[in-house]
Protein backbone atom coordinates (compact mmCIF):
# COMPACT_ATOMS: atom_id res chain seq x y z
CA MET A 1 53.99 -29.25 -74.95
CA SER A 2 56.81 -31.23 -72.69
CA TYR A 3 55.21 -34.12 -73.59
CA ASP A 4 55.96 -33.09 -77.33
CA LEU A 5 59.26 -32.20 -77.27
CA PHE A 6 60.43 -35.37 -75.85
CA ALA A 7 58.08 -37.24 -78.10
CA GLN A 8 60.25 -35.11 -80.85
CA SER A 9 63.48 -36.11 -79.43
CA GLY A 10 62.30 -39.75 -78.92
CA ASP A 11 61.67 -39.87 -82.78
CA LYS A 12 65.09 -38.31 -83.46
CA SER A 13 66.51 -40.99 -81.45
CA ARG A 14 64.34 -43.83 -83.37
CA GLU A 15 64.92 -42.46 -86.64
CA ALA A 16 69.07 -42.27 -85.92
CA GLN A 17 69.03 -45.94 -84.90
CA ALA A 18 66.30 -47.21 -88.01
CA PRO A 19 67.75 -49.10 -90.91
CA LEU A 20 69.18 -47.76 -93.62
CA ALA A 21 65.96 -48.68 -96.16
CA TRP A 22 63.49 -46.76 -93.55
CA LYS A 23 66.22 -43.43 -93.77
CA LEU A 24 66.60 -43.09 -96.61
CA ARG A 25 62.85 -43.68 -97.76
CA PRO A 26 61.65 -40.82 -100.75
CA ARG A 27 59.91 -38.44 -99.10
CA THR A 28 57.67 -36.70 -102.01
CA LEU A 29 57.13 -38.06 -105.54
CA ASP A 30 59.99 -37.04 -107.17
CA ASP A 31 61.98 -38.83 -104.95
CA VAL A 32 60.50 -42.31 -106.22
CA ILE A 33 62.79 -44.22 -108.48
CA GLY A 34 61.46 -46.97 -110.96
CA HIS A 35 57.74 -46.17 -110.76
CA GLU A 36 57.94 -43.09 -112.96
CA HIS A 37 55.04 -44.36 -115.06
CA LEU A 38 52.91 -43.33 -111.85
CA THR A 39 55.21 -40.62 -110.71
CA GLY A 40 55.87 -39.48 -113.25
CA PRO A 41 54.10 -35.78 -114.89
CA GLN A 42 51.02 -38.05 -116.18
CA GLY A 43 51.47 -40.38 -113.95
CA LEU A 44 48.02 -41.53 -111.93
CA LEU A 45 49.47 -41.09 -108.48
CA ARG A 46 50.91 -37.35 -109.52
CA SER A 47 46.88 -36.91 -110.71
CA LEU A 48 45.56 -37.86 -107.34
CA VAL A 49 47.80 -35.77 -105.00
CA ALA A 50 46.69 -32.40 -107.39
CA SER A 51 43.16 -33.45 -107.39
CA SER A 52 41.32 -35.51 -104.86
CA LEU A 53 42.92 -38.95 -102.80
CA ARG A 54 40.92 -41.53 -103.31
CA SER A 55 41.44 -45.18 -101.70
CA VAL A 56 44.02 -47.25 -103.38
CA ILE A 57 45.37 -50.92 -103.23
CA PHE A 58 48.61 -51.08 -104.10
CA HIS A 59 50.03 -54.86 -105.04
CA GLY A 60 53.00 -56.33 -105.93
CA PRO A 61 56.55 -57.33 -104.88
CA ALA A 62 58.22 -56.93 -101.72
CA GLY A 63 60.27 -54.11 -101.39
CA THR A 64 59.20 -51.86 -104.33
CA GLY A 65 58.02 -49.17 -102.26
CA LYS A 66 54.15 -49.96 -101.15
CA THR A 67 54.31 -48.42 -97.75
CA THR A 68 56.65 -45.47 -99.15
CA LEU A 69 53.96 -44.19 -101.67
CA ALA A 70 51.06 -44.44 -99.28
CA ARG A 71 53.25 -42.32 -96.75
CA ILE A 72 53.76 -39.64 -99.40
CA LEU A 73 50.31 -39.79 -100.62
CA ALA A 74 49.39 -38.91 -97.17
CA ASP A 75 52.05 -36.26 -96.72
CA GLN A 76 51.50 -34.44 -100.28
CA THR A 77 47.54 -34.43 -99.49
CA HIS A 78 48.02 -33.32 -95.98
CA ALA A 79 46.00 -35.71 -94.36
CA ALA A 80 46.77 -37.68 -90.84
CA PHE A 81 48.89 -41.02 -91.35
CA ALA A 82 47.62 -44.35 -89.33
CA ALA A 83 49.55 -47.36 -89.83
CA LEU A 84 48.31 -50.42 -89.21
CA SER A 85 49.22 -53.91 -90.12
CA ALA A 86 46.55 -56.68 -90.31
CA ILE A 87 48.12 -58.94 -88.77
CA ASP A 88 47.76 -57.11 -85.36
CA ILE A 89 44.12 -55.68 -85.94
CA GLY A 90 40.41 -56.58 -85.98
CA VAL A 91 37.29 -54.88 -86.04
CA LYS A 92 37.47 -53.15 -83.24
CA GLU A 93 40.91 -51.23 -84.26
CA ILE A 94 39.06 -50.43 -87.47
CA ARG A 95 35.99 -49.09 -85.63
CA GLN A 96 38.79 -46.82 -83.04
CA GLU A 97 40.59 -45.60 -86.31
CA ALA A 98 37.15 -44.45 -88.52
CA GLU A 99 36.30 -42.64 -84.85
CA ARG A 100 39.78 -40.89 -85.08
CA ALA A 101 39.09 -39.89 -88.80
CA LYS A 102 35.45 -38.80 -87.97
CA GLU A 103 36.90 -36.17 -85.33
CA ARG A 104 39.72 -35.18 -87.46
CA TRP A 105 36.47 -34.05 -89.89
CA GLN A 106 35.11 -32.54 -86.96
CA LEU A 107 37.50 -30.72 -85.20
CA ARG A 108 40.10 -29.31 -87.85
CA GLY A 109 38.41 -30.49 -91.56
CA SER A 110 41.13 -32.58 -92.33
CA GLY A 111 41.30 -36.12 -93.96
CA THR A 112 42.88 -39.29 -92.71
CA VAL A 113 44.68 -42.20 -94.33
CA VAL A 114 44.72 -45.82 -93.05
CA PHE A 115 47.35 -47.31 -94.24
CA ILE A 116 46.91 -51.40 -93.63
CA ASP A 117 49.73 -53.51 -94.64
CA GLU A 118 49.11 -57.14 -95.58
CA ILE A 119 45.83 -56.04 -96.26
CA HIS A 120 45.16 -59.72 -97.55
CA ARG A 121 45.46 -61.30 -94.38
CA LEU A 122 42.01 -59.51 -93.25
CA ASN A 123 39.53 -62.50 -92.95
CA ARG A 124 35.72 -61.34 -94.88
CA SER A 125 33.74 -59.40 -91.90
CA GLN A 126 37.44 -57.48 -91.41
CA GLN A 127 37.35 -56.43 -95.01
CA ASP A 128 33.40 -55.82 -94.87
CA VAL A 129 33.81 -53.39 -91.95
CA LEU A 130 35.86 -51.13 -93.83
CA LEU A 131 33.40 -50.74 -96.92
CA PRO A 132 31.30 -47.97 -95.11
CA PHE A 133 34.16 -45.75 -94.26
CA VAL A 134 35.92 -46.15 -97.38
CA GLU A 135 32.32 -45.80 -99.10
CA ASP A 136 31.17 -42.20 -97.52
CA GLY A 137 35.18 -41.17 -97.29
CA THR A 138 35.36 -41.22 -93.28
CA PHE A 139 38.88 -41.58 -94.85
CA VAL A 140 41.33 -43.00 -97.19
CA LEU A 141 42.04 -46.65 -97.20
CA ILE A 142 45.50 -47.35 -98.91
CA GLY A 143 45.99 -50.97 -98.53
CA ALA A 144 49.14 -53.33 -99.72
CA THR A 145 49.47 -56.90 -100.67
CA THR A 146 51.89 -59.09 -101.97
CA GLU A 147 49.16 -61.29 -103.11
CA ASN A 148 46.99 -61.62 -106.19
CA PRO A 149 44.31 -59.16 -104.90
CA TRP A 150 41.87 -60.79 -107.31
CA VAL A 151 42.06 -63.64 -105.41
CA SER A 152 42.80 -62.51 -101.62
CA ILE A 153 40.51 -59.17 -101.30
CA ASN A 154 36.55 -58.85 -101.41
CA ARG A 155 35.40 -57.46 -104.76
CA ALA A 156 33.28 -55.23 -102.51
CA LEU A 157 36.24 -53.52 -101.33
CA LEU A 158 37.78 -54.02 -104.55
CA SER A 159 34.98 -51.94 -106.40
CA ARG A 160 35.67 -49.11 -104.08
CA CYS A 161 39.49 -48.80 -104.51
CA LEU A 162 41.92 -48.12 -107.39
CA LEU A 163 44.18 -51.02 -107.53
CA ILE A 164 47.48 -50.06 -108.86
CA GLU A 165 50.09 -52.64 -109.67
CA LEU A 166 54.09 -51.84 -108.50
CA LYS A 167 56.16 -53.95 -110.62
CA THR A 168 59.39 -55.46 -109.75
CA LEU A 169 62.22 -52.68 -109.51
CA LYS A 170 64.29 -53.06 -112.82
CA VAL A 171 68.18 -53.46 -112.30
CA GLU A 172 68.95 -49.95 -113.45
CA ALA A 173 66.43 -48.45 -110.74
CA ILE A 174 68.12 -50.53 -108.23
CA VAL A 175 71.80 -49.23 -109.31
CA GLN A 176 70.30 -45.45 -109.15
CA ILE A 177 69.12 -46.08 -105.86
CA LEU A 178 72.48 -47.61 -104.14
CA GLU A 179 74.27 -44.49 -106.09
CA ARG A 180 71.80 -41.80 -104.02
CA ALA A 181 72.36 -44.07 -100.55
CA TRP A 182 76.16 -43.50 -101.52
CA ALA A 183 75.94 -40.42 -102.34
CA LEU A 184 74.79 -40.03 -99.02
CA ARG A 185 76.78 -42.11 -97.17
CA MET A 186 78.19 -39.39 -94.39
CA THR A 187 74.28 -39.31 -93.31
CA TRP A 188 74.48 -43.02 -92.37
CA TRP A 189 78.03 -44.39 -92.41
CA HIS A 190 81.67 -42.28 -93.00
CA GLU A 191 84.16 -41.70 -96.29
CA GLY A 192 84.76 -44.62 -98.12
CA ALA A 193 85.27 -46.22 -101.49
CA ILE A 194 83.22 -48.78 -103.67
CA ASP A 195 84.77 -51.66 -106.30
CA ASP A 196 83.51 -50.83 -109.68
CA GLY A 197 80.28 -52.94 -110.85
CA LEU A 198 79.57 -53.49 -107.05
CA PHE A 199 75.96 -51.44 -107.17
CA HIS A 200 75.32 -53.85 -110.65
CA GLN A 201 76.02 -56.98 -108.63
CA ILE A 202 73.93 -56.53 -105.70
CA ALA A 203 71.11 -54.91 -107.90
CA GLU A 204 71.29 -58.29 -110.34
CA ARG A 205 70.63 -60.56 -106.99
CA VAL A 206 68.36 -58.89 -104.78
CA GLY A 207 64.95 -59.47 -107.57
CA GLY A 208 63.93 -56.25 -107.78
CA ASP A 209 63.79 -55.46 -104.01
CA ALA A 210 64.97 -52.25 -103.16
CA ARG A 211 65.03 -52.78 -99.31
CA LEU A 212 67.46 -55.76 -99.59
CA ALA A 213 69.40 -54.05 -101.48
CA LEU A 214 69.69 -50.91 -99.18
CA SER A 215 70.00 -53.40 -96.45
CA THR A 216 72.76 -55.17 -98.21
CA LEU A 217 74.83 -52.30 -98.44
CA GLU A 218 74.41 -51.33 -95.03
CA HIS A 219 75.57 -54.49 -94.12
CA MET A 220 78.59 -54.25 -96.22
CA ALA A 221 79.71 -51.41 -94.48
CA LEU A 222 79.52 -52.88 -91.21
CA LEU A 223 81.46 -55.61 -92.11
CA ALA A 224 83.95 -53.14 -93.48
CA ASP A 225 84.19 -51.26 -90.10
CA THR A 226 85.42 -54.38 -88.66
CA VAL A 227 88.69 -54.87 -91.59
CA PRO A 228 88.82 -51.67 -91.51
CA THR A 229 89.48 -51.15 -95.00
CA ASN A 230 86.75 -48.47 -95.51
CA VAL A 231 86.35 -50.20 -99.17
CA LEU A 232 83.06 -51.88 -100.36
CA THR A 233 84.20 -54.69 -102.40
CA ILE A 234 83.01 -57.27 -104.97
CA ALA A 235 84.71 -60.05 -102.72
CA LEU A 236 82.62 -58.52 -99.61
CA GLY A 237 79.38 -58.27 -101.74
CA ASP A 238 79.71 -61.95 -102.26
CA ARG A 239 80.07 -62.46 -98.54
CA VAL A 240 77.22 -60.70 -97.90
CA LEU A 241 74.81 -61.77 -100.86
CA ALA A 242 76.10 -65.59 -100.33
CA SER A 243 73.89 -65.45 -96.78
CA SER A 244 70.74 -64.17 -97.98
CA VAL A 245 67.51 -66.64 -98.23
CA HIS A 246 66.45 -67.49 -101.79
CA TYR A 247 63.13 -66.24 -100.14
CA HIS A 248 59.71 -66.79 -102.11
CA ASP A 249 56.44 -67.08 -100.11
CA ARG A 250 55.73 -71.09 -100.33
CA ALA A 251 52.03 -70.19 -99.60
CA GLY A 252 51.59 -67.50 -101.96
CA ASP A 253 52.01 -65.99 -105.42
CA ALA A 254 55.65 -65.89 -105.62
CA HIS A 255 55.64 -69.68 -105.35
CA TYR A 256 52.83 -70.32 -107.71
CA ASP A 257 54.56 -68.31 -110.03
CA LEU A 258 58.19 -69.78 -109.84
CA THR A 259 56.74 -72.85 -110.01
CA SER A 260 54.67 -71.66 -113.71
CA ALA A 261 58.05 -70.57 -114.95
CA PHE A 262 59.74 -73.76 -114.00
CA ILE A 263 56.74 -75.45 -116.17
CA LYS A 264 56.73 -73.39 -118.87
CA SER A 265 60.59 -73.77 -119.27
CA MET A 266 60.41 -77.13 -119.57
CA ARG A 267 57.31 -76.97 -121.46
CA GLY A 268 59.02 -74.33 -124.20
CA SER A 269 62.21 -76.64 -124.40
CA ASP A 270 64.81 -74.37 -122.53
CA PRO A 271 66.55 -76.65 -120.04
CA ASP A 272 68.95 -74.06 -118.84
CA ALA A 273 65.73 -71.61 -117.79
CA ALA A 274 64.23 -74.81 -116.44
CA LEU A 275 67.01 -75.94 -114.19
CA TYR A 276 67.51 -72.00 -112.72
CA TRP A 277 63.52 -72.20 -111.96
CA PHE A 278 63.87 -75.85 -110.66
CA GLY A 279 67.21 -74.36 -108.44
CA ARG A 280 65.03 -71.12 -107.31
CA LEU A 281 61.93 -73.60 -105.94
CA LEU A 282 64.75 -76.08 -104.26
CA ALA A 283 66.59 -73.12 -102.73
CA GLY A 284 63.29 -71.35 -101.10
CA GLY A 285 62.74 -74.61 -99.33
CA THR A 286 59.82 -75.81 -101.41
CA ASP A 287 59.19 -79.54 -100.62
CA PRO A 288 61.37 -81.38 -103.35
CA ARG A 289 58.37 -83.96 -103.61
CA TYR A 290 56.45 -80.91 -104.82
CA VAL A 291 58.65 -80.62 -107.44
CA MET A 292 59.11 -83.76 -108.40
CA ARG A 293 55.01 -84.32 -108.67
CA ARG A 294 55.12 -80.97 -111.34
CA ILE A 295 58.06 -82.76 -113.36
CA LEU A 296 55.85 -86.37 -113.50
CA VAL A 297 53.02 -84.60 -114.28
CA HIS A 298 55.05 -82.54 -117.33
CA ALA A 299 56.46 -86.00 -118.65
CA ALA A 300 53.28 -86.95 -119.33
CA GLU A 301 51.52 -83.97 -120.44
CA ASP A 302 54.01 -82.26 -122.20
CA VAL A 303 56.21 -84.85 -123.50
CA GLY A 304 54.01 -87.64 -123.51
CA LEU A 305 54.32 -90.58 -126.76
CA ALA A 306 56.46 -88.03 -128.55
CA ASP A 307 59.08 -89.77 -125.72
CA PRO A 308 57.58 -91.99 -123.36
CA MET A 309 61.46 -92.27 -121.95
CA ALA A 310 60.82 -89.16 -120.30
CA LEU A 311 57.84 -90.54 -117.59
CA VAL A 312 60.05 -93.49 -116.94
CA VAL A 313 63.42 -91.59 -116.24
CA ALA A 314 60.91 -89.24 -113.78
CA GLN A 315 59.57 -92.12 -112.23
CA ALA A 316 63.41 -93.05 -111.27
CA ALA A 317 63.85 -89.57 -110.34
CA TRP A 318 61.22 -89.80 -107.43
CA THR A 319 62.53 -93.26 -106.67
CA ALA A 320 65.53 -91.45 -105.80
CA LEU A 321 64.23 -89.22 -103.81
CA GLU A 322 62.38 -91.25 -101.52
CA ALA A 323 65.44 -93.47 -101.16
CA VAL A 324 68.24 -90.98 -100.80
CA GLY A 325 66.29 -87.81 -100.23
CA LEU A 326 68.49 -84.13 -100.51
CA PRO A 327 70.61 -83.06 -101.04
CA GLU A 328 72.02 -86.16 -103.00
CA ALA A 329 68.64 -86.48 -104.90
CA ARG A 330 69.08 -82.87 -106.59
CA ILE A 331 71.31 -84.79 -109.21
CA PRO A 332 68.49 -87.28 -110.61
CA MET A 333 65.99 -84.46 -110.51
CA ALA A 334 68.36 -82.48 -112.11
CA GLN A 335 68.72 -85.25 -114.58
CA ALA A 336 64.74 -85.32 -114.98
CA VAL A 337 64.14 -81.89 -115.78
CA LEU A 338 67.26 -81.98 -118.46
CA TYR A 339 66.02 -85.22 -119.93
CA ILE A 340 62.23 -83.75 -120.29
CA ALA A 341 63.45 -79.88 -120.72
CA SER A 342 65.09 -81.17 -124.41
CA ALA A 343 62.98 -84.12 -125.13
CA ALA A 344 60.30 -84.17 -128.15
CA LYS A 345 57.37 -82.53 -127.09
CA SER A 346 53.67 -83.83 -127.95
CA ASN A 347 50.53 -82.93 -125.76
CA SER A 348 48.26 -85.60 -127.71
CA VAL A 349 47.52 -87.33 -124.20
CA VAL A 350 46.07 -84.58 -123.04
CA THR A 351 44.02 -83.79 -126.16
CA ALA A 352 42.58 -87.07 -126.12
CA LEU A 353 41.56 -86.98 -122.63
CA ALA A 354 39.59 -83.66 -123.56
CA GLU A 355 38.26 -85.55 -126.96
CA LEU A 356 37.22 -88.73 -123.95
CA ASP A 357 35.49 -86.13 -121.81
CA SER A 358 33.19 -84.84 -124.75
CA ALA A 359 32.85 -88.22 -125.89
CA LEU A 360 31.39 -89.39 -122.17
CA GLU A 361 28.62 -86.46 -122.23
CA ARG A 362 27.46 -87.30 -125.58
CA TRP A 363 27.74 -91.37 -124.86
CA PRO A 364 27.19 -91.70 -121.25
CA GLN A 365 25.99 -95.14 -121.72
CA ALA A 366 26.81 -96.81 -124.54
CA ALA A 367 26.24 -100.52 -124.66
CA VAL A 368 29.17 -102.77 -124.76
CA PRO A 369 28.84 -104.58 -128.39
CA SER A 370 27.81 -108.33 -127.10
CA TYR A 371 31.04 -109.92 -129.03
CA LEU A 372 33.24 -107.32 -126.47
CA ARG A 373 31.39 -108.66 -123.54
CA ASP A 374 33.03 -111.12 -121.07
CA LYS A 375 32.24 -114.78 -122.66
CA HIS A 376 30.75 -116.04 -119.80
CA TYR A 377 27.96 -113.27 -120.27
CA ALA A 378 25.71 -114.47 -123.75
CA PRO A 379 21.66 -113.53 -123.86
CA MET A 380 19.69 -115.17 -125.60
CA GLY A 381 18.97 -113.59 -128.86
CA ALA A 382 22.43 -112.04 -129.11
CA SER A 383 24.16 -111.16 -132.47
CA SER A 384 25.80 -113.74 -134.20
CA ALA A 385 28.78 -111.52 -134.94
CA LEU A 386 32.19 -113.43 -133.17
CA TYR A 387 35.14 -111.65 -131.19
CA GLN A 388 38.14 -112.29 -133.70
CA TYR A 389 41.11 -113.00 -131.59
CA PRO A 390 44.37 -110.54 -133.08
CA HIS A 391 46.76 -112.68 -132.62
CA ASP A 392 45.08 -115.60 -135.04
CA PHE A 393 45.89 -112.67 -138.02
CA PRO A 394 48.83 -111.71 -139.62
CA MET A 395 50.79 -108.87 -137.97
CA HIS A 396 48.46 -109.71 -135.28
CA TYR A 397 45.85 -107.50 -136.44
CA VAL A 398 42.54 -107.73 -137.58
CA ASP A 399 39.96 -105.08 -138.57
CA GLN A 400 36.57 -105.14 -136.17
CA ALA A 401 34.76 -102.81 -134.32
CA TYR A 402 35.53 -101.85 -130.70
CA LEU A 403 32.76 -99.42 -130.32
CA PRO A 404 29.06 -99.42 -130.82
CA ASP A 405 27.76 -98.92 -133.60
CA GLU A 406 26.50 -95.35 -133.12
CA MET A 407 30.03 -94.21 -132.01
CA ALA A 408 31.79 -95.35 -135.75
CA GLY A 409 34.19 -93.32 -136.62
CA LEU A 410 35.21 -91.74 -133.27
CA ARG A 411 38.68 -90.34 -133.34
CA LEU A 412 40.12 -89.37 -129.80
CA TYR A 413 44.05 -89.67 -130.35
CA HIS A 414 45.37 -87.62 -132.76
CA PRO A 415 48.94 -88.63 -132.63
CA SER A 416 51.77 -85.68 -133.22
CA ASP A 417 54.67 -85.88 -135.80
CA GLN A 418 56.91 -85.42 -133.63
CA GLY A 419 59.79 -87.98 -131.76
CA SER A 420 58.74 -91.90 -131.74
CA GLU A 421 55.19 -90.35 -131.72
CA ARG A 422 55.97 -90.20 -135.51
CA VAL A 423 56.20 -93.91 -135.88
CA ARG A 424 53.39 -94.68 -134.34
CA ALA A 425 51.46 -92.22 -136.09
CA GLN A 426 52.17 -93.76 -139.63
CA LYS A 427 51.16 -97.34 -138.16
CA LEU A 428 47.52 -95.71 -136.59
CA ALA A 429 47.41 -94.25 -139.89
CA ALA A 430 47.72 -97.43 -142.12
CA LEU A 431 45.82 -99.09 -139.61
CA ARG A 432 42.67 -96.36 -140.02
CA GLN A 433 43.18 -96.09 -143.85
CA GLY A 434 42.58 -100.42 -143.86
CA ARG A 435 39.60 -99.94 -141.82
CA HIS A 436 38.38 -97.61 -144.06
CA ASN A 437 38.71 -99.21 -147.09
CA ILE A 438 36.63 -101.74 -146.02
């Protein structure tokens, strides 16, 4: 009994020293902000609480409430809650939790929620150990991951769990969370005032991360106490947020999402968006050579022959990066991004390569016509047709076949009508028409 009293006292002390995001975490589904489609009267999570809790894998960005929702589901279904981190556990720890869960069923008739944070970090054998316990209901598994579960989690485990995506919280939801925290400020700070628009400023700059928003508010309160003015100002918010890391997981989904947005903005001819995502990648610590490789590829893939200078500008930016490095190389790199994003677009090179692959499959071993072979090779009985040197003819062109007879009429390159490629297309059309008439 005395141990329980000491434990309770320790929990209270720990709670008092916990970060603001932990102190103010929602305790029921009614308290959750930003996921009403899941927590509302017709929401899936509400149904799970009302009927029978099932194993779930929450996936989505950091700070969207995955851990909080797991605790709420356990609390509202009166289940024991065991929190584990995939970074620290192995097969042994999973089996131990399963034994404890079995004991609870036998002694109390109550279930257990085993929450595994960063579940994508479990290797295949560790994930396989979970299968029988999830299958027979020994415990309810709730996993949380910021990665794509279809890539990082075994299909066998996915088939036994409900997959629920938690999307990035909208600005309005973050503002609501901050307003609720401010209404409770006497429980974690003291009386004070704020500048108009402060919460909206924070909400716009935390990327939908409620935890980061509350941490920012708490940081501001600590700094305000050093003045002390008891006023949280816009300037103070700028000071705190300026020190925030432009974070993205350089090996995870966020990295590839930012890269995808960067490439698609260049392809979509939006220089402002392309420059923003370019800046996010560099600010997040992405290797600038990685960014330059994407720029080089895009210059050929999506601009191509509509503006051949795009590849030249991209290559020049790569040379500048190698020569001077960051931060100076941001300037030529940004020049390449803006040039490519605003250039005429053509993917004719890519489509030509696709046509080429099909042709290579159809004619993998087509013989070179005799008159196109190297001139030192003249087999007996070779065709009397002679190679005609184009520069000996008007306009430096002569109509002759350059493919085997069985491949006559093959068209791999289909020029677009964009930018300088329009002139190229007109010239080729005239040449092809001339051939067609002969």
